[in-house]
Amino acid sequence: NDARVIDLLKSQMASGRLVSAICAAPSVLAHAGVLEGKKHTAHFSVAAAVPDMDTLSAVVVDSNLITSQGAGTATEFSLALVEKLIDKKTADDIAASICWKH
């Protein structure tokens, strides 16, 4: 409920800067109103607080927003961040180096 956090999230989204959240953290994004019109996911325990979440995808990338379901999806989430921040080749190289099939 901190107005500074809400303002920061709104500013980040509006400017097109990367915003990411994993597990229950997307509920903060929902509270800030920045998930409206965006594809997203979150941990099932916050489904009531995160309307319209994709319950089938471990990680959801929608423009500058990356969300993930929880600790078990952390590797896929991390690789999505690397792909967005650097490039797909780097994400693929990292995935291969850790024997991750992505």
N, C-alpha and C. Protein backbone atom coordinates (compact mmCIF):
# COMPACT_ATOMS: atom_id res chain seq x y z
N ASN A 1 0.81 -1.21 0.00
CA ASN A 1 0.00 0.00 0.00
C ASN A 1 0.85 1.27 0.00
N ASP A 2 2.13 1.13 -0.17
CA ASP A 2 3.03 2.29 -0.19
C ASP A 2 2.88 3.02 -1.52
N ALA A 3 2.42 4.26 -1.46
CA ALA A 3 2.18 5.05 -2.67
C ALA A 3 3.45 5.21 -3.51
N ARG A 4 4.60 5.23 -2.87
CA ARG A 4 5.87 5.38 -3.61
C ARG A 4 6.12 4.17 -4.49
N VAL A 5 5.82 2.98 -3.97
CA VAL A 5 6.02 1.75 -4.75
C VAL A 5 5.03 1.71 -5.92
N ILE A 6 3.79 2.04 -5.63
CA ILE A 6 2.77 2.05 -6.68
C ILE A 6 3.13 3.05 -7.77
N ASP A 7 3.55 4.24 -7.38
CA ASP A 7 3.95 5.26 -8.36
C ASP A 7 5.15 4.79 -9.19
N LEU A 8 6.10 4.15 -8.54
CA LEU A 8 7.28 3.64 -9.24
C LEU A 8 6.88 2.58 -10.27
N LEU A 9 6.03 1.65 -9.86
CA LEU A 9 5.59 0.61 -10.79
C LEU A 9 4.84 1.19 -11.98
N LYS A 10 3.96 2.14 -11.72
CA LYS A 10 3.22 2.78 -12.81
C LYS A 10 4.17 3.51 -13.75
N SER A 11 5.14 4.19 -13.20
CA SER A 11 6.12 4.92 -14.01
C SER A 11 6.96 3.96 -14.85
N GLN A 12 7.42 2.87 -14.24
CA GLN A 12 8.21 1.87 -14.97
C GLN A 12 7.43 1.30 -16.15
N MET A 13 6.19 0.93 -15.89
CA MET A 13 5.37 0.35 -16.95
C MET A 13 5.09 1.37 -18.05
N ALA A 14 4.73 2.57 -17.66
CA ALA A 14 4.40 3.61 -18.64
C ALA A 14 5.59 3.97 -19.51
N SER A 15 6.79 3.90 -18.95
CA SER A 15 7.98 4.28 -19.71
C SER A 15 8.50 3.12 -20.56
N GLY A 16 7.92 1.94 -20.41
CA GLY A 16 8.37 0.79 -21.18
C GLY A 16 9.56 0.07 -20.58
N ARG A 17 9.97 0.47 -19.38
CA ARG A 17 11.08 -0.22 -18.72
C ARG A 17 10.62 -1.60 -18.26
N LEU A 18 11.57 -2.50 -18.12
CA LEU A 18 11.26 -3.87 -17.73
C LEU A 18 10.73 -3.91 -16.29
N VAL A 19 9.64 -4.65 -16.13
CA VAL A 19 9.06 -4.93 -14.82
C VAL A 19 8.89 -6.44 -14.76
N SER A 20 9.36 -7.04 -13.67
CA SER A 20 9.23 -8.49 -13.53
C SER A 20 8.84 -8.84 -12.12
N ALA A 21 8.12 -9.96 -11.99
CA ALA A 21 7.67 -10.41 -10.68
C ALA A 21 7.45 -11.91 -10.72
N ILE A 22 7.82 -12.57 -9.64
CA ILE A 22 7.69 -14.02 -9.53
C ILE A 22 6.92 -14.39 -8.27
N CYS A 23 6.25 -15.52 -8.32
CA CYS A 23 5.52 -16.10 -7.20
C CYS A 23 4.34 -15.21 -6.80
N ALA A 24 4.30 -14.71 -5.59
CA ALA A 24 3.18 -13.88 -5.13
C ALA A 24 3.37 -12.41 -5.49
N ALA A 25 4.56 -12.02 -5.92
CA ALA A 25 4.85 -10.61 -6.22
C ALA A 25 3.93 -9.99 -7.27
N PRO A 26 3.42 -10.74 -8.25
CA PRO A 26 2.48 -10.11 -9.18
C PRO A 26 1.24 -9.52 -8.50
N SER A 27 0.94 -9.96 -7.27
CA SER A 27 -0.19 -9.37 -6.56
C SER A 27 0.07 -7.90 -6.25
N VAL A 28 1.32 -7.53 -6.06
CA VAL A 28 1.68 -6.12 -5.86
C VAL A 28 1.43 -5.34 -7.15
N LEU A 29 1.79 -5.96 -8.27
CA LEU A 29 1.55 -5.32 -9.57
C LEU A 29 0.05 -5.14 -9.82
N ALA A 30 -0.73 -6.15 -9.43
CA ALA A 30 -2.19 -6.06 -9.59
C ALA A 30 -2.74 -4.93 -8.73
N HIS A 31 -2.26 -4.85 -7.50
CA HIS A 31 -2.71 -3.78 -6.60
C HIS A 31 -2.38 -2.40 -7.17
N ALA A 32 -1.25 -2.31 -7.86
CA ALA A 32 -0.84 -1.03 -8.46
C ALA A 32 -1.61 -0.74 -9.75
N GLY A 33 -2.34 -1.73 -10.25
CA GLY A 33 -3.13 -1.53 -11.46
C GLY A 33 -2.35 -1.64 -12.75
N VAL A 34 -1.14 -2.21 -12.69
CA VAL A 34 -0.32 -2.25 -13.90
C VAL A 34 -0.47 -3.54 -14.70
N LEU A 35 -1.29 -4.48 -14.23
CA LEU A 35 -1.51 -5.72 -14.97
C LEU A 35 -2.68 -5.62 -15.93
N GLU A 36 -3.47 -4.59 -15.80
CA GLU A 36 -4.66 -4.44 -16.65
C GLU A 36 -4.27 -4.40 -18.12
N GLY A 37 -4.87 -5.28 -18.90
CA GLY A 37 -4.58 -5.34 -20.32
C GLY A 37 -3.30 -6.07 -20.66
N LYS A 38 -2.63 -6.64 -19.67
CA LYS A 38 -1.38 -7.37 -19.89
C LYS A 38 -1.59 -8.85 -19.59
N LYS A 39 -0.92 -9.71 -20.35
CA LYS A 39 -0.91 -11.13 -20.04
C LYS A 39 0.05 -11.31 -18.86
N HIS A 40 -0.33 -12.18 -17.92
CA HIS A 40 0.49 -12.35 -16.73
C HIS A 40 0.15 -13.66 -16.03
N THR A 41 1.02 -14.07 -15.12
CA THR A 41 0.78 -15.22 -14.27
C THR A 41 1.27 -14.91 -12.87
N ALA A 42 1.01 -15.83 -11.95
CA ALA A 42 1.43 -15.69 -10.56
C ALA A 42 1.23 -17.03 -9.87
N HIS A 43 1.66 -17.13 -8.64
CA HIS A 43 1.45 -18.34 -7.85
C HIS A 43 -0.04 -18.52 -7.58
N PHE A 44 -0.48 -19.76 -7.62
CA PHE A 44 -1.91 -20.04 -7.44
C PHE A 44 -2.48 -19.50 -6.13
N SER A 45 -1.63 -19.33 -5.12
CA SER A 45 -2.11 -18.87 -3.81
C SER A 45 -2.61 -17.42 -3.83
N VAL A 46 -2.25 -16.66 -4.87
CA VAL A 46 -2.70 -15.26 -4.96
C VAL A 46 -3.68 -15.05 -6.10
N ALA A 47 -4.30 -16.14 -6.55
CA ALA A 47 -5.22 -16.06 -7.69
C ALA A 47 -6.34 -15.05 -7.45
N ALA A 48 -6.83 -14.95 -6.25
CA ALA A 48 -7.92 -14.01 -5.96
C ALA A 48 -7.47 -12.56 -6.09
N ALA A 49 -6.19 -12.31 -5.82
CA ALA A 49 -5.65 -10.95 -5.88
C ALA A 49 -5.10 -10.59 -7.25
N VAL A 50 -4.95 -11.59 -8.12
CA VAL A 50 -4.36 -11.37 -9.44
C VAL A 50 -5.36 -11.86 -10.49
N PRO A 51 -6.32 -11.02 -10.84
CA PRO A 51 -7.36 -11.45 -11.77
C PRO A 51 -6.81 -11.74 -13.17
N ASP A 52 -7.48 -12.66 -13.84
CA ASP A 52 -7.19 -13.00 -15.24
C ASP A 52 -5.79 -13.54 -15.46
N MET A 53 -5.19 -14.14 -14.44
CA MET A 53 -3.83 -14.67 -14.64
C MET A 53 -3.87 -15.95 -15.46
N ASP A 54 -2.81 -16.16 -16.21
CA ASP A 54 -2.63 -17.36 -17.01
C ASP A 54 -2.18 -18.47 -16.06
N THR A 55 -3.02 -19.45 -15.84
CA THR A 55 -2.68 -20.51 -14.91
C THR A 55 -1.94 -21.67 -15.57
N LEU A 56 -1.81 -21.64 -16.88
CA LEU A 56 -1.17 -22.74 -17.60
C LEU A 56 0.30 -22.49 -17.93
N SER A 57 0.71 -21.23 -17.95
CA SER A 57 2.08 -20.89 -18.34
C SER A 57 2.94 -20.63 -17.12
N ALA A 58 4.12 -21.23 -17.09
CA ALA A 58 5.06 -21.03 -15.98
C ALA A 58 5.60 -19.61 -15.97
N VAL A 59 5.87 -19.09 -17.16
CA VAL A 59 6.41 -17.73 -17.32
C VAL A 59 5.62 -17.06 -18.44
N VAL A 60 5.27 -15.81 -18.22
CA VAL A 60 4.55 -15.05 -19.24
C VAL A 60 5.32 -13.76 -19.52
N VAL A 61 5.61 -13.54 -20.80
CA VAL A 61 6.27 -12.31 -21.24
C VAL A 61 5.27 -11.53 -22.08
N ASP A 62 5.00 -10.30 -21.68
CA ASP A 62 4.11 -9.42 -22.44
C ASP A 62 4.77 -8.05 -22.52
N SER A 63 5.44 -7.82 -23.62
CA SER A 63 6.15 -6.57 -23.84
C SER A 63 7.20 -6.38 -22.73
N ASN A 64 7.06 -5.35 -21.90
CA ASN A 64 8.04 -5.06 -20.86
C ASN A 64 7.72 -5.73 -19.52
N LEU A 65 6.74 -6.62 -19.51
CA LEU A 65 6.33 -7.30 -18.28
C LEU A 65 6.66 -8.79 -18.35
N ILE A 66 7.38 -9.28 -17.33
CA ILE A 66 7.67 -10.70 -17.22
C ILE A 66 7.18 -11.17 -15.85
N THR A 67 6.30 -12.18 -15.86
CA THR A 67 5.81 -12.74 -14.60
C THR A 67 6.01 -14.25 -14.61
N SER A 68 6.08 -14.82 -13.41
CA SER A 68 6.31 -16.25 -13.28
C SER A 68 5.57 -16.78 -12.07
N GLN A 69 5.31 -18.09 -12.08
CA GLN A 69 4.46 -18.69 -11.05
C GLN A 69 5.11 -18.95 -9.70
N GLY A 70 6.39 -19.21 -9.64
CA GLY A 70 6.98 -19.50 -8.33
C GLY A 70 8.39 -20.04 -8.41
N ALA A 71 8.88 -20.49 -7.28
CA ALA A 71 10.27 -20.94 -7.15
C ALA A 71 10.63 -22.03 -8.17
N GLY A 72 9.70 -22.91 -8.45
CA GLY A 72 9.96 -23.98 -9.40
C GLY A 72 10.10 -23.51 -10.83
N THR A 73 9.74 -22.26 -11.09
CA THR A 73 9.86 -21.69 -12.44
C THR A 73 10.99 -20.67 -12.53
N ALA A 74 11.83 -20.62 -11.50
CA ALA A 74 12.87 -19.60 -11.42
C ALA A 74 13.88 -19.66 -12.56
N THR A 75 14.25 -20.86 -13.00
CA THR A 75 15.23 -20.96 -14.10
C THR A 75 14.63 -20.41 -15.38
N GLU A 76 13.41 -20.83 -15.69
CA GLU A 76 12.75 -20.33 -16.90
C GLU A 76 12.55 -18.81 -16.82
N PHE A 77 12.18 -18.34 -15.64
CA PHE A 77 12.01 -16.90 -15.40
C PHE A 77 13.33 -16.15 -15.63
N SER A 78 14.40 -16.69 -15.08
CA SER A 78 15.72 -16.07 -15.23
C SER A 78 16.16 -16.01 -16.69
N LEU A 79 15.91 -17.08 -17.42
CA LEU A 79 16.28 -17.11 -18.83
C LEU A 79 15.46 -16.11 -19.64
N ALA A 80 14.19 -15.94 -19.27
CA ALA A 80 13.36 -14.93 -19.94
C ALA A 80 13.91 -13.53 -19.68
N LEU A 81 14.39 -13.29 -18.46
CA LEU A 81 15.00 -11.99 -18.14
C LEU A 81 16.27 -11.77 -18.96
N VAL A 82 17.12 -12.79 -19.04
CA VAL A 82 18.36 -12.68 -19.83
C VAL A 82 18.02 -12.40 -21.29
N GLU A 83 17.05 -13.11 -21.82
CA GLU A 83 16.67 -12.90 -23.22
C GLU A 83 16.19 -11.47 -23.44
N LYS A 84 15.41 -10.94 -22.51
CA LYS A 84 14.87 -9.58 -22.65
C LYS A 84 15.97 -8.52 -22.45
N LEU A 85 16.85 -8.75 -21.48
CA LEU A 85 17.88 -7.76 -21.16
C LEU A 85 19.08 -7.82 -22.10
N ILE A 86 19.40 -9.01 -22.61
CA ILE A 86 20.58 -9.15 -23.47
C ILE A 86 20.12 -9.61 -24.86
N ASP A 87 19.94 -10.91 -25.03
CA ASP A 87 19.42 -11.44 -26.29
C ASP A 87 19.14 -12.93 -26.15
N LYS A 88 18.46 -13.49 -27.14
CA LYS A 88 18.06 -14.89 -27.11
C LYS A 88 19.27 -15.81 -27.15
N LYS A 89 20.28 -15.46 -27.95
CA LYS A 89 21.47 -16.31 -28.04
C LYS A 89 22.13 -16.47 -26.68
N THR A 90 22.25 -15.38 -25.93
CA THR A 90 22.86 -15.46 -24.60
C THR A 90 22.01 -16.34 -23.69
N ALA A 91 20.69 -16.17 -23.74
CA ALA A 91 19.81 -17.02 -22.93
C ALA A 91 19.96 -18.48 -23.33
N ASP A 92 20.03 -18.75 -24.63
CA ASP A 92 20.21 -20.12 -25.11
C ASP A 92 21.56 -20.69 -24.68
N ASP A 93 22.60 -19.87 -24.73
CA ASP A 93 23.93 -20.32 -24.30
C ASP A 93 23.94 -20.67 -22.82
N ILE A 94 23.31 -19.84 -22.01
CA ILE A 94 23.24 -20.12 -20.58
C ILE A 94 22.43 -21.38 -20.33
N ALA A 95 21.29 -21.50 -21.02
CA ALA A 95 20.46 -22.70 -20.87
C ALA A 95 21.26 -23.96 -21.19
N ALA A 96 22.01 -23.92 -22.28
CA ALA A 96 22.81 -25.08 -22.68
C ALA A 96 23.90 -25.37 -21.64
N SER A 97 24.49 -24.32 -21.08
CA SER A 97 25.58 -24.52 -20.11
C SER A 97 25.09 -25.13 -18.80
N ILE A 98 23.81 -24.99 -18.50
CA ILE A 98 23.26 -25.59 -17.29
C ILE A 98 22.38 -26.81 -17.59
N CYS A 99 22.46 -27.28 -18.84
CA CYS A 99 21.69 -28.45 -19.28
C CYS A 99 20.19 -28.23 -19.16
N TRP A 100 19.76 -27.02 -19.42
CA TRP A 100 18.32 -26.66 -19.38
C TRP A 100 17.77 -26.70 -20.77
N LYS A 101 16.71 -27.41 -20.97
CA LYS A 101 16.08 -27.48 -22.28
C LYS A 101 15.01 -26.41 -22.34
N HIS A 102 15.31 -25.36 -23.11
CA HIS A 102 14.35 -24.24 -23.18
C HIS A 102 14.07 -23.82 -24.59
